[in-house]
């Protein structure tokens, strides 16, 4: 076999292996087995607050709302909306957080706008826009750093991660699920770009999506 044919064969084998990996990782019709926190002796966190007075504590409310939002299977589309909150079945990663908080009584749109007005130096040089500022990951990192409880970013400390918490990577954001993988690391409720970046809206990506730069929990006294 000449060198050219050998290189071609190796290339085909590598490509086939890559396709097989993607199919197993992303296209399997059966989601991986997950566990509840109780299987690891972790008691689910309940907030002392109930912002919208619906008899559901904020932490649980945020988690339920995030699940309800992703169940609508929003299409990933980056658009500008007058009023801020998408109303056409489309959205981006930040909308998972915005809707989860809004339906628990926290208006992230107005909260970010107010904080930016009071502390413009923290948010960069872009012109303020109430309808888009709260839908930018960088702005939410700034906001939550001052208006939420900051927690560990170490995914090995599994008990510190609770359903309803907020996680921020360098260019992405999501809500922590109450389901965990076999090692106790929680799954994430999030909205990324379509395949090959995401197949399901609840995924085991906390420790693999990228560098985590923030882990937050909503506290009414700070918000």
N, C-alpha and C. Protein backbone atom coordinates (compact mmCIF):
# COMPACT_ATOMS: atom_id res chain seq x y z
N UNK A 1 0.83 -1.19 0.00
CA UNK A 1 0.00 0.00 0.00
C UNK A 1 0.88 1.26 0.00
N UNK A 2 0.62 2.15 -0.96
CA UNK A 2 1.45 3.35 -1.01
C UNK A 2 1.05 4.32 0.11
N UNK A 3 1.91 5.32 0.32
CA UNK A 3 1.74 6.25 1.43
C UNK A 3 0.43 7.01 1.33
N UNK A 4 0.04 7.42 0.12
CA UNK A 4 -1.17 8.20 -0.06
C UNK A 4 -2.41 7.41 0.35
N UNK A 5 -2.48 6.13 -0.04
CA UNK A 5 -3.62 5.30 0.31
C UNK A 5 -3.66 5.03 1.81
N UNK A 6 -2.48 4.87 2.41
CA UNK A 6 -2.40 4.63 3.84
C UNK A 6 -2.94 5.83 4.62
N UNK A 7 -2.56 7.02 4.20
CA UNK A 7 -3.03 8.24 4.86
C UNK A 7 -4.54 8.37 4.71
N UNK A 8 -5.04 8.03 3.52
CA UNK A 8 -6.47 8.11 3.27
C UNK A 8 -7.24 7.14 4.16
N UNK A 9 -6.70 5.93 4.31
CA UNK A 9 -7.37 4.93 5.14
C UNK A 9 -7.39 5.37 6.61
N UNK A 10 -6.29 5.91 7.08
CA UNK A 10 -6.22 6.40 8.46
C UNK A 10 -7.22 7.53 8.67
N UNK A 11 -7.30 8.41 7.68
CA UNK A 11 -8.24 9.53 7.76
C UNK A 11 -9.67 9.05 7.85
N UNK A 12 -10.00 8.04 7.06
CA UNK A 12 -11.36 7.48 7.07
C UNK A 12 -11.66 6.84 8.42
N UNK A 13 -10.69 6.13 8.99
CA UNK A 13 -10.89 5.47 10.28
C UNK A 13 -11.11 6.51 11.38
N UNK A 14 -10.29 7.55 11.36
CA UNK A 14 -10.42 8.61 12.37
C UNK A 14 -11.78 9.30 12.24
N UNK A 15 -12.18 9.59 11.01
CA UNK A 15 -13.46 10.26 10.77
C UNK A 15 -14.62 9.38 11.24
N UNK A 16 -14.54 8.07 10.96
CA UNK A 16 -15.58 7.15 11.37
C UNK A 16 -15.68 7.07 12.89
N UNK A 17 -14.51 7.06 13.54
CA UNK A 17 -14.48 7.03 15.00
C UNK A 17 -15.11 8.29 15.58
N UNK A 18 -14.84 9.43 14.94
CA UNK A 18 -15.40 10.70 15.41
C UNK A 18 -16.91 10.71 15.26
N UNK A 19 -17.40 10.21 14.13
CA UNK A 19 -18.84 10.15 13.90
C UNK A 19 -19.50 9.22 14.92
N UNK A 20 -18.87 8.08 15.20
CA UNK A 20 -19.41 7.14 16.17
C UNK A 20 -19.49 7.77 17.55
N UNK A 21 -18.44 8.51 17.93
CA UNK A 21 -18.44 9.18 19.23
C UNK A 21 -19.58 10.19 19.32
N UNK A 22 -19.76 10.98 18.28
CA UNK A 22 -20.82 11.99 18.28
C UNK A 22 -22.19 11.33 18.38
N UNK A 23 -22.37 10.21 17.68
CA UNK A 23 -23.65 9.52 17.71
C UNK A 23 -23.95 8.99 19.11
N UNK A 24 -22.92 8.45 19.76
CA UNK A 24 -23.12 7.91 21.10
C UNK A 24 -23.35 9.04 22.09
N UNK A 25 -22.58 10.12 21.94
CA UNK A 25 -22.65 11.22 22.90
C UNK A 25 -23.89 12.08 22.73
N UNK A 26 -24.27 12.33 21.49
CA UNK A 26 -25.30 13.33 21.26
C UNK A 26 -26.62 12.79 20.69
N UNK A 27 -26.57 11.67 19.98
CA UNK A 27 -27.75 11.26 19.23
C UNK A 27 -28.48 10.07 19.85
N UNK A 28 -27.94 9.50 20.90
CA UNK A 28 -28.62 8.38 21.53
C UNK A 28 -30.04 8.79 21.93
N UNK A 29 -31.04 7.99 21.55
CA UNK A 29 -32.42 8.33 21.89
C UNK A 29 -32.72 8.14 23.38
N UNK A 30 -31.82 7.49 24.07
CA UNK A 30 -32.03 7.21 25.48
C UNK A 30 -31.11 8.08 26.33
N UNK A 31 -31.69 8.97 27.14
CA UNK A 31 -30.86 9.82 28.00
C UNK A 31 -30.12 8.98 29.02
N UNK A 32 -28.96 9.41 29.48
CA UNK A 32 -28.20 8.64 30.47
C UNK A 32 -28.96 8.53 31.78
N UNK A 33 -28.71 7.48 32.52
CA UNK A 33 -29.35 7.30 33.82
C UNK A 33 -28.93 8.42 34.76
N UNK A 34 -29.89 8.97 35.46
CA UNK A 34 -29.59 10.04 36.42
C UNK A 34 -30.11 9.66 37.79
N UNK A 35 -29.65 10.40 38.79
CA UNK A 35 -30.01 10.10 40.18
C UNK A 35 -30.55 11.34 40.86
N UNK A 36 -31.29 11.12 41.92
CA UNK A 36 -31.74 12.22 42.74
C UNK A 36 -30.70 12.55 43.81
N UNK A 37 -30.79 13.73 44.40
CA UNK A 37 -29.83 14.13 45.42
C UNK A 37 -29.83 13.19 46.61
N UNK A 38 -31.00 12.59 46.91
CA UNK A 38 -31.10 11.72 48.07
C UNK A 38 -30.20 10.50 47.96
N UNK A 39 -29.88 10.09 46.74
CA UNK A 39 -29.01 8.94 46.56
C UNK A 39 -27.58 9.23 46.98
N UNK A 40 -27.27 10.50 47.18
CA UNK A 40 -25.93 10.90 47.62
C UNK A 40 -25.97 11.53 49.01
N UNK A 41 -27.10 11.39 49.68
CA UNK A 41 -27.24 11.93 51.01
C UNK A 41 -27.30 13.44 51.05
N UNK A 42 -27.69 14.05 49.93
CA UNK A 42 -27.76 15.51 49.84
C UNK A 42 -29.21 15.96 49.98
N UNK A 43 -29.45 16.81 50.96
CA UNK A 43 -30.80 17.33 51.19
C UNK A 43 -31.03 18.53 50.27
N UNK A 44 -32.07 18.49 49.45
CA UNK A 44 -32.35 19.63 48.55
C UNK A 44 -32.51 20.93 49.33
N UNK A 45 -31.90 21.98 48.81
CA UNK A 45 -31.96 23.27 49.48
C UNK A 45 -33.32 23.93 49.24
N UNK A 46 -33.88 24.51 50.30
CA UNK A 46 -35.10 25.29 50.19
C UNK A 46 -34.83 26.70 50.70
N UNK A 47 -35.25 27.68 49.93
CA UNK A 47 -35.03 29.07 50.30
C UNK A 47 -35.97 29.49 51.43
N UNK A 48 -35.54 30.47 52.19
CA UNK A 48 -36.39 31.02 53.24
C UNK A 48 -37.36 32.07 52.67
N UNK A 49 -37.23 32.34 51.37
CA UNK A 49 -38.01 33.40 50.75
C UNK A 49 -39.05 32.83 49.78
N UNK A 50 -40.10 33.60 49.58
CA UNK A 50 -41.14 33.28 48.60
C UNK A 50 -41.58 34.60 47.98
N UNK A 51 -40.79 35.06 47.02
CA UNK A 51 -40.96 36.40 46.47
C UNK A 51 -42.36 36.66 45.92
N UNK A 52 -42.92 35.69 45.22
CA UNK A 52 -44.22 35.92 44.59
C UNK A 52 -45.39 35.39 45.42
N UNK A 53 -45.10 34.95 46.65
CA UNK A 53 -46.15 34.53 47.59
C UNK A 53 -47.07 33.46 47.01
N UNK A 54 -46.46 32.47 46.37
CA UNK A 54 -47.27 31.38 45.80
C UNK A 54 -47.15 30.09 46.60
N UNK A 55 -46.61 30.20 47.81
CA UNK A 55 -46.45 29.06 48.72
C UNK A 55 -45.39 28.08 48.22
N UNK A 56 -44.55 28.52 47.31
CA UNK A 56 -43.41 27.73 46.85
C UNK A 56 -42.16 28.55 47.10
N UNK A 57 -41.20 27.99 47.82
CA UNK A 57 -40.00 28.76 48.12
C UNK A 57 -39.25 29.12 46.84
N UNK A 58 -38.48 30.19 46.87
CA UNK A 58 -37.84 30.72 45.66
C UNK A 58 -36.95 29.70 44.95
N UNK A 59 -36.16 28.94 45.70
CA UNK A 59 -35.25 27.99 45.08
C UNK A 59 -36.01 26.95 44.27
N UNK A 60 -37.04 26.40 44.89
CA UNK A 60 -37.87 25.40 44.21
C UNK A 60 -38.63 26.02 43.05
N UNK A 61 -39.10 27.23 43.24
CA UNK A 61 -39.86 27.94 42.21
C UNK A 61 -38.99 28.17 40.97
N UNK A 62 -37.78 28.64 41.20
CA UNK A 62 -36.86 28.90 40.08
C UNK A 62 -36.57 27.61 39.32
N UNK A 63 -36.34 26.53 40.05
CA UNK A 63 -36.08 25.24 39.40
C UNK A 63 -37.27 24.80 38.56
N UNK A 64 -38.45 24.86 39.14
CA UNK A 64 -39.66 24.44 38.41
C UNK A 64 -39.90 25.31 37.19
N UNK A 65 -39.67 26.60 37.33
CA UNK A 65 -39.88 27.51 36.20
C UNK A 65 -38.91 27.25 35.07
N UNK A 66 -37.66 26.95 35.43
CA UNK A 66 -36.66 26.64 34.39
C UNK A 66 -37.07 25.39 33.63
N UNK A 67 -37.58 24.40 34.35
CA UNK A 67 -38.03 23.16 33.70
C UNK A 67 -39.24 23.44 32.79
N UNK A 68 -40.15 24.27 33.29
CA UNK A 68 -41.33 24.60 32.49
C UNK A 68 -40.94 25.34 31.22
N UNK A 69 -39.94 26.21 31.33
CA UNK A 69 -39.51 26.97 30.16
C UNK A 69 -38.88 26.06 29.11
N UNK A 70 -37.98 25.18 29.52
CA UNK A 70 -37.32 24.33 28.52
C UNK A 70 -38.28 23.30 27.93
N UNK A 71 -39.35 23.00 28.65
CA UNK A 71 -40.35 22.07 28.11
C UNK A 71 -41.08 22.66 26.92
N UNK A 72 -41.00 23.98 26.75
CA UNK A 72 -41.59 24.61 25.57
C UNK A 72 -40.70 24.41 24.34
N UNK A 73 -39.49 23.85 24.56
CA UNK A 73 -38.53 23.59 23.49
C UNK A 73 -38.28 24.84 22.62
N UNK A 74 -37.81 25.91 23.25
CA UNK A 74 -37.57 27.15 22.49
C UNK A 74 -36.51 26.95 21.41
N UNK A 75 -36.73 27.59 20.30
CA UNK A 75 -35.77 27.57 19.20
C UNK A 75 -34.65 28.56 19.50
N UNK A 76 -33.41 28.14 19.24
CA UNK A 76 -32.30 29.06 19.51
C UNK A 76 -32.24 30.11 18.41
N UNK A 77 -32.52 31.33 18.79
CA UNK A 77 -32.52 32.44 17.85
C UNK A 77 -32.21 33.71 18.62
N UNK A 78 -31.15 34.39 18.22
CA UNK A 78 -30.75 35.62 18.89
C UNK A 78 -31.42 36.80 18.21
N UNK A 79 -32.46 37.35 18.85
CA UNK A 79 -33.21 38.47 18.30
C UNK A 79 -33.41 39.53 19.36
N UNK A 80 -33.76 40.70 18.92
CA UNK A 80 -34.06 41.81 19.83
C UNK A 80 -35.58 41.86 20.03
N UNK A 81 -36.00 42.02 21.29
CA UNK A 81 -37.43 42.08 21.59
C UNK A 81 -37.73 43.35 22.39
N UNK A 82 -38.68 44.12 21.91
CA UNK A 82 -39.18 45.26 22.68
C UNK A 82 -39.91 44.69 23.89
N UNK A 83 -39.48 45.06 25.06
CA UNK A 83 -40.03 44.47 26.28
C UNK A 83 -39.07 43.46 26.88
N UNK A 84 -38.09 43.05 26.07
CA UNK A 84 -37.01 42.20 26.58
C UNK A 84 -37.26 40.72 26.53
N UNK A 85 -38.39 40.26 27.03
CA UNK A 85 -38.66 38.82 27.13
C UNK A 85 -39.22 38.29 25.80
N UNK A 86 -38.57 37.29 25.20
CA UNK A 86 -39.05 36.73 23.94
C UNK A 86 -40.49 36.21 24.06
N UNK A 87 -41.27 36.41 23.01
CA UNK A 87 -42.67 36.00 23.04
C UNK A 87 -43.07 35.20 21.81
N UNK A 88 -42.06 34.63 21.13
CA UNK A 88 -42.37 33.93 19.88
C UNK A 88 -41.81 32.52 19.82
N UNK A 89 -41.50 31.94 20.98
CA UNK A 89 -40.99 30.57 21.00
C UNK A 89 -39.50 30.47 20.72
N UNK A 90 -38.84 31.60 20.64
CA UNK A 90 -37.39 31.62 20.41
C UNK A 90 -36.69 32.14 21.66
N UNK A 91 -35.38 32.00 21.69
CA UNK A 91 -34.64 32.52 22.83
C UNK A 91 -33.18 32.10 22.79
N UNK A 92 -32.45 32.51 23.83
CA UNK A 92 -31.04 32.18 23.97
C UNK A 92 -30.80 31.71 25.40
N UNK A 93 -29.55 31.45 25.74
CA UNK A 93 -29.25 30.84 27.05
C UNK A 93 -29.72 31.68 28.21
N UNK A 94 -29.58 32.99 28.11
CA UNK A 94 -29.95 33.86 29.23
C UNK A 94 -31.44 33.86 29.50
N UNK A 95 -32.24 33.50 28.51
CA UNK A 95 -33.68 33.51 28.70
C UNK A 95 -34.15 32.40 29.64
N UNK A 96 -33.40 31.31 29.72
CA UNK A 96 -33.73 30.26 30.68
C UNK A 96 -33.73 30.84 32.09
N UNK A 97 -32.71 31.63 32.38
CA UNK A 97 -32.57 32.24 33.70
C UNK A 97 -33.61 33.35 33.89
N UNK A 98 -33.77 34.19 32.88
CA UNK A 98 -34.69 35.32 32.99
C UNK A 98 -36.13 34.87 33.24
N UNK A 99 -36.59 33.85 32.50
CA UNK A 99 -37.95 33.37 32.69
C UNK A 99 -38.11 32.63 34.01
N UNK A 100 -37.08 31.87 34.40
CA UNK A 100 -37.14 31.14 35.67
C UNK A 100 -37.28 32.11 36.84
N UNK A 101 -36.53 33.22 36.78
CA UNK A 101 -36.60 34.21 37.85
C UNK A 101 -37.89 35.03 37.77
N UNK A 102 -38.26 35.42 36.55
CA UNK A 102 -39.46 36.26 36.41
C UNK A 102 -40.69 35.57 36.98
N UNK A 103 -40.83 34.26 36.70
CA UNK A 103 -42.02 33.54 37.15
C UNK A 103 -41.94 33.16 38.62
N UNK A 104 -40.83 33.53 39.26
CA UNK A 104 -40.72 33.38 40.72
C UNK A 104 -40.85 34.74 41.41
N UNK A 105 -41.07 35.78 40.60
CA UNK A 105 -41.29 37.10 41.16
C UNK A 105 -40.14 38.08 41.03
N UNK A 106 -39.07 37.66 40.33
CA UNK A 106 -37.89 38.52 40.18
C UNK A 106 -37.77 39.00 38.73
N UNK A 107 -37.89 40.30 38.53
CA UNK A 107 -37.81 40.87 37.18
C UNK A 107 -36.36 41.21 36.88
N UNK A 108 -35.67 40.30 36.23
CA UNK A 108 -34.25 40.47 35.94
C UNK A 108 -34.00 41.64 35.01
N UNK A 109 -34.92 41.87 34.09
CA UNK A 109 -34.79 42.98 33.14
C UNK A 109 -34.65 44.31 33.88
N UNK A 110 -35.57 44.61 34.75
CA UNK A 110 -35.54 45.88 35.47
C UNK A 110 -34.42 45.92 36.51
N UNK A 111 -34.12 44.78 37.11
CA UNK A 111 -33.08 44.75 38.13
C UNK A 111 -31.72 45.07 37.55
N UNK A 112 -31.41 44.48 36.39
CA UNK A 112 -30.13 44.76 35.73
C UNK A 112 -30.08 46.21 35.28
N UNK A 113 -31.19 46.72 34.74
CA UNK A 113 -31.23 48.12 34.30
C UNK A 113 -30.98 49.07 35.46
N UNK A 114 -31.59 48.79 36.60
CA UNK A 114 -31.39 49.64 37.78
C UNK A 114 -29.95 49.60 38.26
N UNK A 115 -29.39 48.40 38.28
CA UNK A 115 -28.01 48.27 38.76
C UNK A 115 -27.04 48.96 37.80
N UNK A 116 -27.32 48.86 36.51
CA UNK A 116 -26.44 49.51 35.54
C UNK A 116 -26.53 51.03 35.65
N UNK A 117 -27.69 51.53 35.95
CA UNK A 117 -27.85 52.98 36.10
C UNK A 117 -27.06 53.47 37.33
N UNK A 118 -27.06 52.67 38.40
CA UNK A 118 -26.38 53.05 39.63
C UNK A 118 -24.87 52.84 39.55
N UNK A 119 -24.45 51.81 38.78
CA UNK A 119 -23.03 51.46 38.70
C UNK A 119 -22.59 51.26 37.25
N UNK A 120 -22.66 52.29 36.44
CA UNK A 120 -22.34 52.15 35.01
C UNK A 120 -20.91 51.69 34.76
N UNK A 121 -20.01 52.00 35.69
CA UNK A 121 -18.60 51.66 35.50
C UNK A 121 -18.36 50.16 35.50
N UNK A 122 -19.28 49.39 36.05
CA UNK A 122 -19.10 47.94 36.13
C UNK A 122 -19.50 47.23 34.84
N UNK A 123 -20.25 47.90 33.98
CA UNK A 123 -20.87 47.23 32.84
C UNK A 123 -20.24 47.54 31.48
N UNK A 124 -19.14 48.22 31.44
CA UNK A 124 -18.51 48.49 30.15
C UNK A 124 -19.04 49.74 29.48
N UNK A 125 -18.66 49.90 28.22
CA UNK A 125 -18.93 51.16 27.51
C UNK A 125 -20.11 51.12 26.55
N UNK A 126 -20.76 49.96 26.40
CA UNK A 126 -21.91 49.90 25.50
C UNK A 126 -23.04 50.78 26.03
N UNK A 127 -23.79 51.37 25.13
CA UNK A 127 -24.92 52.20 25.54
C UNK A 127 -25.97 51.33 26.24
N UNK A 128 -26.48 51.74 27.38
CA UNK A 128 -27.48 50.96 28.11
C UNK A 128 -28.73 50.72 27.26
N UNK A 129 -29.28 49.52 27.38
CA UNK A 129 -30.52 49.18 26.68
C UNK A 129 -31.26 48.18 27.55
N UNK A 130 -32.33 48.63 28.19
CA UNK A 130 -33.04 47.81 29.16
C UNK A 130 -33.54 46.50 28.56
N UNK A 131 -33.82 46.49 27.26
CA UNK A 131 -34.40 45.30 26.64
C UNK A 131 -33.37 44.25 26.21
N UNK A 132 -32.09 44.55 26.31
CA UNK A 132 -31.08 43.58 25.91
C UNK A 132 -30.02 43.35 26.97
N UNK A 133 -29.81 44.32 27.86
CA UNK A 133 -28.73 44.21 28.85
C UNK A 133 -28.85 42.96 29.72
N UNK A 134 -30.08 42.59 30.10
CA UNK A 134 -30.26 41.43 30.97
C UNK A 134 -30.18 40.11 30.20
N UNK A 135 -30.01 40.17 28.90
CA UNK A 135 -29.90 38.97 28.08
C UNK A 135 -28.47 38.73 27.61
N UNK A 136 -27.52 39.40 28.26
CA UNK A 136 -26.11 39.23 27.94
C UNK A 136 -25.39 38.57 29.11
N UNK A 137 -24.68 37.49 28.83
CA UNK A 137 -24.01 36.71 29.88
C UNK A 137 -23.06 37.59 30.70
N UNK A 138 -22.28 38.41 30.04
CA UNK A 138 -21.30 39.24 30.75
C UNK A 138 -21.98 40.16 31.75
N UNK A 139 -23.12 40.72 31.36
CA UNK A 139 -23.85 41.60 32.27
C UNK A 139 -24.42 40.84 33.46
N UNK A 140 -24.88 39.61 33.22
CA UNK A 140 -25.44 38.82 34.31
C UNK A 140 -24.35 38.41 35.30
N UNK A 141 -23.14 38.18 34.78
CA UNK A 141 -22.02 37.88 35.68
C UNK A 141 -21.78 39.06 36.62
N UNK A 142 -21.80 40.26 36.07
CA UNK A 142 -21.61 41.46 36.89
C UNK A 142 -22.75 41.59 37.90
N UNK A 143 -23.97 41.42 37.43
CA UNK A 143 -25.13 41.62 38.30
C UNK A 143 -25.17 40.60 39.44
N UNK A 144 -25.06 39.32 39.12
CA UNK A 144 -25.18 38.29 40.15
C UNK A 144 -24.01 38.32 41.14
N UNK A 145 -22.88 38.82 40.71
CA UNK A 145 -21.74 38.92 41.62
C UNK A 145 -22.05 39.84 42.80
N UNK A 146 -22.96 40.78 42.59
CA UNK A 146 -23.33 41.73 43.64
C UNK A 146 -24.71 41.47 44.24
N UNK A 147 -25.56 40.75 43.50
CA UNK A 147 -26.96 40.63 43.92
C UNK A 147 -27.44 39.19 44.08
N UNK A 148 -26.52 38.29 44.35
CA UNK A 148 -26.86 36.90 44.64
C UNK A 148 -25.76 36.32 45.52
N UNK A 149 -26.04 35.19 46.12
CA UNK A 149 -25.02 34.52 46.92
C UNK A 149 -24.00 33.88 45.99
N UNK A 150 -22.73 34.17 46.17
CA UNK A 150 -21.67 33.58 45.36
C UNK A 150 -21.19 32.30 46.03
N UNK A 151 -21.18 31.21 45.28
CA UNK A 151 -20.82 29.90 45.82
C UNK A 151 -19.64 29.31 45.07
N UNK A 152 -19.19 28.16 45.50
CA UNK A 152 -18.02 27.53 44.89
C UNK A 152 -18.24 27.19 43.43
N UNK A 153 -17.17 27.22 42.66
CA UNK A 153 -17.22 26.79 41.26
C UNK A 153 -16.60 25.41 41.08
N UNK A 154 -16.22 24.79 42.18
CA UNK A 154 -15.60 23.46 42.16
C UNK A 154 -16.69 22.40 42.02
N UNK A 155 -16.72 21.72 40.88
CA UNK A 155 -17.78 20.74 40.64
C UNK A 155 -17.58 19.45 41.43
N UNK A 156 -16.42 19.29 42.06
CA UNK A 156 -16.19 18.12 42.91
C UNK A 156 -16.92 18.24 44.24
N UNK A 157 -17.26 19.47 44.62
CA UNK A 157 -18.00 19.69 45.87
C UNK A 157 -19.50 19.56 45.53
N UNK A 158 -19.94 18.34 45.31
CA UNK A 158 -21.26 18.10 44.73
C UNK A 158 -22.39 18.61 45.61
N UNK A 159 -22.19 18.58 46.94
CA UNK A 159 -23.27 19.01 47.82
C UNK A 159 -23.52 20.52 47.77
N UNK A 160 -22.56 21.26 47.22
CA UNK A 160 -22.71 22.72 47.14
C UNK A 160 -23.57 23.15 45.95
N UNK A 161 -23.81 22.22 45.02
CA UNK A 161 -24.60 22.52 43.83
C UNK A 161 -26.02 22.01 44.03
N UNK A 162 -26.98 22.93 43.96
CA UNK A 162 -28.36 22.59 44.24
C UNK A 162 -29.27 23.00 43.08
N UNK A 163 -30.33 22.23 42.89
CA UNK A 163 -31.31 22.57 41.86
C UNK A 163 -31.85 23.97 42.06
N UNK A 164 -31.82 24.77 41.01
CA UNK A 164 -32.26 26.15 41.10
C UNK A 164 -31.12 27.15 41.19
N UNK A 165 -29.90 26.67 41.42
CA UNK A 165 -28.73 27.54 41.40
C UNK A 165 -28.47 27.99 39.96
N UNK A 166 -27.67 29.03 39.82
CA UNK A 166 -27.30 29.57 38.51
C UNK A 166 -25.82 29.31 38.28
N UNK A 167 -25.47 28.82 37.10
CA UNK A 167 -24.07 28.61 36.75
C UNK A 167 -23.73 29.45 35.53
N UNK A 168 -22.56 30.07 35.57
CA UNK A 168 -22.10 30.87 34.43
C UNK A 168 -20.73 30.37 33.99
N UNK A 169 -20.65 30.02 32.71
CA UNK A 169 -19.36 29.75 32.09
C UNK A 169 -18.89 31.04 31.43
N UNK A 170 -17.79 31.00 30.74
CA UNK A 170 -17.24 32.22 30.15
C UNK A 170 -18.19 32.86 29.13
N UNK A 171 -18.96 32.03 28.40
CA UNK A 171 -19.86 32.60 27.40
C UNK A 171 -21.22 31.93 27.41
N UNK A 172 -21.61 31.39 28.55
CA UNK A 172 -22.86 30.63 28.61
C UNK A 172 -23.40 30.65 30.03
N UNK A 173 -24.70 30.39 30.17
CA UNK A 173 -25.34 30.42 31.48
C UNK A 173 -26.45 29.37 31.52
N UNK A 174 -26.73 28.85 32.71
CA UNK A 174 -27.79 27.86 32.85
C UNK A 174 -28.27 27.76 34.29
N UNK A 175 -29.27 26.90 34.49
CA UNK A 175 -29.82 26.63 35.81
C UNK A 175 -29.48 25.19 36.20
N UNK A 176 -29.03 25.01 37.43
CA UNK A 176 -28.69 23.67 37.91
C UNK A 176 -29.96 22.85 38.09
N UNK A 177 -29.92 21.60 37.62
CA UNK A 177 -31.05 20.69 37.74
C UNK A 177 -31.01 19.98 39.10
N UNK A 178 -32.12 19.34 39.45
CA UNK A 178 -32.16 18.52 40.66
C UNK A 178 -31.80 17.07 40.36
N UNK A 179 -31.43 16.78 39.11
CA UNK A 179 -30.97 15.45 38.73
C UNK A 179 -29.45 15.44 38.64
N UNK A 180 -28.84 14.32 38.98
CA UNK A 180 -27.38 14.21 39.01
C UNK A 180 -26.90 13.00 38.22
N UNK A 181 -25.62 13.06 37.79
CA UNK A 181 -25.05 11.90 37.11
C UNK A 181 -24.59 10.87 38.15
N UNK A 182 -23.99 9.81 37.71
CA UNK A 182 -23.62 8.71 38.60
C UNK A 182 -22.59 9.11 39.64
N UNK A 183 -21.90 10.23 39.40
CA UNK A 183 -20.90 10.71 40.34
C UNK A 183 -21.45 11.79 41.27
N UNK A 184 -22.72 12.13 41.10
CA UNK A 184 -23.33 13.12 41.96
C UNK A 184 -23.25 14.54 41.43
N UNK A 185 -22.63 14.72 40.27
CA UNK A 185 -22.54 16.06 39.68
C UNK A 185 -23.89 16.36 39.01
N UNK A 186 -24.50 17.50 39.32
CA UNK A 186 -25.83 17.78 38.78
C UNK A 186 -25.83 18.08 37.28
N UNK A 187 -26.95 17.80 36.66
CA UNK A 187 -27.16 18.17 35.26
C UNK A 187 -27.51 19.65 35.20
N UNK A 188 -27.57 20.18 33.99
CA UNK A 188 -27.84 21.60 33.80
C UNK A 188 -29.03 21.79 32.86
N UNK A 189 -29.93 22.69 33.22
CA UNK A 189 -31.02 23.10 32.35
C UNK A 189 -30.52 24.32 31.59
N UNK A 190 -30.38 24.20 30.28
CA UNK A 190 -29.78 25.29 29.52
C UNK A 190 -30.24 25.28 28.08
N UNK A 191 -29.87 26.33 27.37
CA UNK A 191 -30.26 26.48 25.96
C UNK A 191 -29.04 26.96 25.19
N UNK A 192 -28.39 26.04 24.52
CA UNK A 192 -27.23 26.37 23.70
C UNK A 192 -27.63 26.32 22.23
N UNK A 193 -26.66 26.52 21.38
CA UNK A 193 -26.96 26.42 19.95
C UNK A 193 -27.29 24.98 19.59
N UNK A 194 -27.98 24.75 18.48
CA UNK A 194 -28.39 23.39 18.11
C UNK A 194 -27.21 22.46 17.89
N UNK A 195 -27.52 21.17 17.60
CA UNK A 195 -26.54 20.13 17.34
C UNK A 195 -25.42 20.68 16.45
N UNK A 196 -24.14 20.39 16.71
CA UNK A 196 -23.69 19.38 17.68
C UNK A 196 -23.46 19.90 19.08
N UNK A 197 -23.85 21.13 19.37
CA UNK A 197 -23.58 21.69 20.68
C UNK A 197 -24.58 21.23 21.74
N UNK A 198 -25.80 20.89 21.34
CA UNK A 198 -26.81 20.49 22.31
C UNK A 198 -27.89 19.68 21.63
N UNK A 199 -28.27 18.57 22.27
CA UNK A 199 -29.37 17.76 21.78
C UNK A 199 -30.58 17.90 22.70
N UNK A 200 -30.33 17.87 24.01
CA UNK A 200 -31.40 18.00 25.00
C UNK A 200 -31.23 19.29 25.79
N UNK A 201 -32.30 19.72 26.42
CA UNK A 201 -32.26 20.95 27.22
C UNK A 201 -31.78 20.70 28.65
N UNK A 202 -31.73 19.45 29.04
CA UNK A 202 -31.17 19.06 30.35
C UNK A 202 -30.02 18.11 30.08
N UNK A 203 -28.80 18.54 30.41
CA UNK A 203 -27.64 17.76 30.02
C UNK A 203 -26.60 17.68 31.14
N UNK A 204 -25.77 16.66 31.02
CA UNK A 204 -24.66 16.45 31.95
C UNK A 204 -23.44 17.20 31.42
N UNK A 205 -23.45 18.53 31.57
CA UNK A 205 -22.38 19.36 30.99
C UNK A 205 -21.73 20.31 31.99
N UNK A 206 -22.12 20.21 33.26
CA UNK A 206 -21.61 21.17 34.24
C UNK A 206 -20.09 21.22 34.25
N UNK A 207 -19.46 20.06 34.28
CA UNK A 207 -18.00 20.01 34.40
C UNK A 207 -17.29 19.96 33.05
N UNK A 208 -18.05 19.92 31.96
CA UNK A 208 -17.41 19.73 30.66
C UNK A 208 -17.69 20.84 29.65
N UNK A 209 -18.62 21.74 29.96
CA UNK A 209 -18.98 22.75 28.96
C UNK A 209 -17.88 23.78 28.76
N UNK A 210 -17.12 24.06 29.80
CA UNK A 210 -16.05 25.05 29.72
C UNK A 210 -15.68 25.52 31.11
N UNK A 211 -14.95 26.60 31.18
CA UNK A 211 -14.52 27.14 32.46
C UNK A 211 -15.68 27.83 33.16
N UNK A 212 -15.97 27.39 34.39
CA UNK A 212 -17.04 28.00 35.18
C UNK A 212 -16.49 29.25 35.85
N UNK A 213 -17.17 30.37 35.67
CA UNK A 213 -16.71 31.63 36.26
C UNK A 213 -17.68 32.17 37.31
N UNK A 214 -18.80 31.47 37.52
CA UNK A 214 -19.74 31.93 38.52
C UNK A 214 -20.74 30.86 38.90
N UNK A 215 -21.08 30.82 40.19
CA UNK A 215 -22.10 29.91 40.72
C UNK A 215 -22.87 30.71 41.76
N UNK A 216 -24.17 30.89 41.52
CA UNK A 216 -24.94 31.82 42.33
C UNK A 216 -26.27 31.21 42.79
N UNK A 217 -26.75 31.77 43.90
CA UNK A 217 -28.05 31.38 44.44
C UNK A 217 -28.81 32.65 44.78
N UNK A 218 -30.08 32.71 44.38
CA UNK A 218 -30.88 33.92 44.58
C UNK A 218 -31.22 34.09 46.06
N UNK A 219 -31.02 35.30 46.54
CA UNK A 219 -31.34 35.69 47.90
C UNK A 219 -32.12 37.00 47.82
N UNK A 220 -33.35 37.00 48.30
CA UNK A 220 -34.20 38.19 48.15
C UNK A 220 -33.58 39.43 48.78
N UNK A 221 -32.84 39.25 49.86
CA UNK A 221 -32.23 40.40 50.52
C UNK A 221 -31.15 41.06 49.66
N UNK A 222 -30.52 40.30 48.78
CA UNK A 222 -29.47 40.84 47.91
C UNK A 222 -30.03 41.35 46.59
N UNK A 223 -31.04 40.70 46.10
CA UNK A 223 -31.61 41.02 44.79
C UNK A 223 -32.30 42.39 44.85
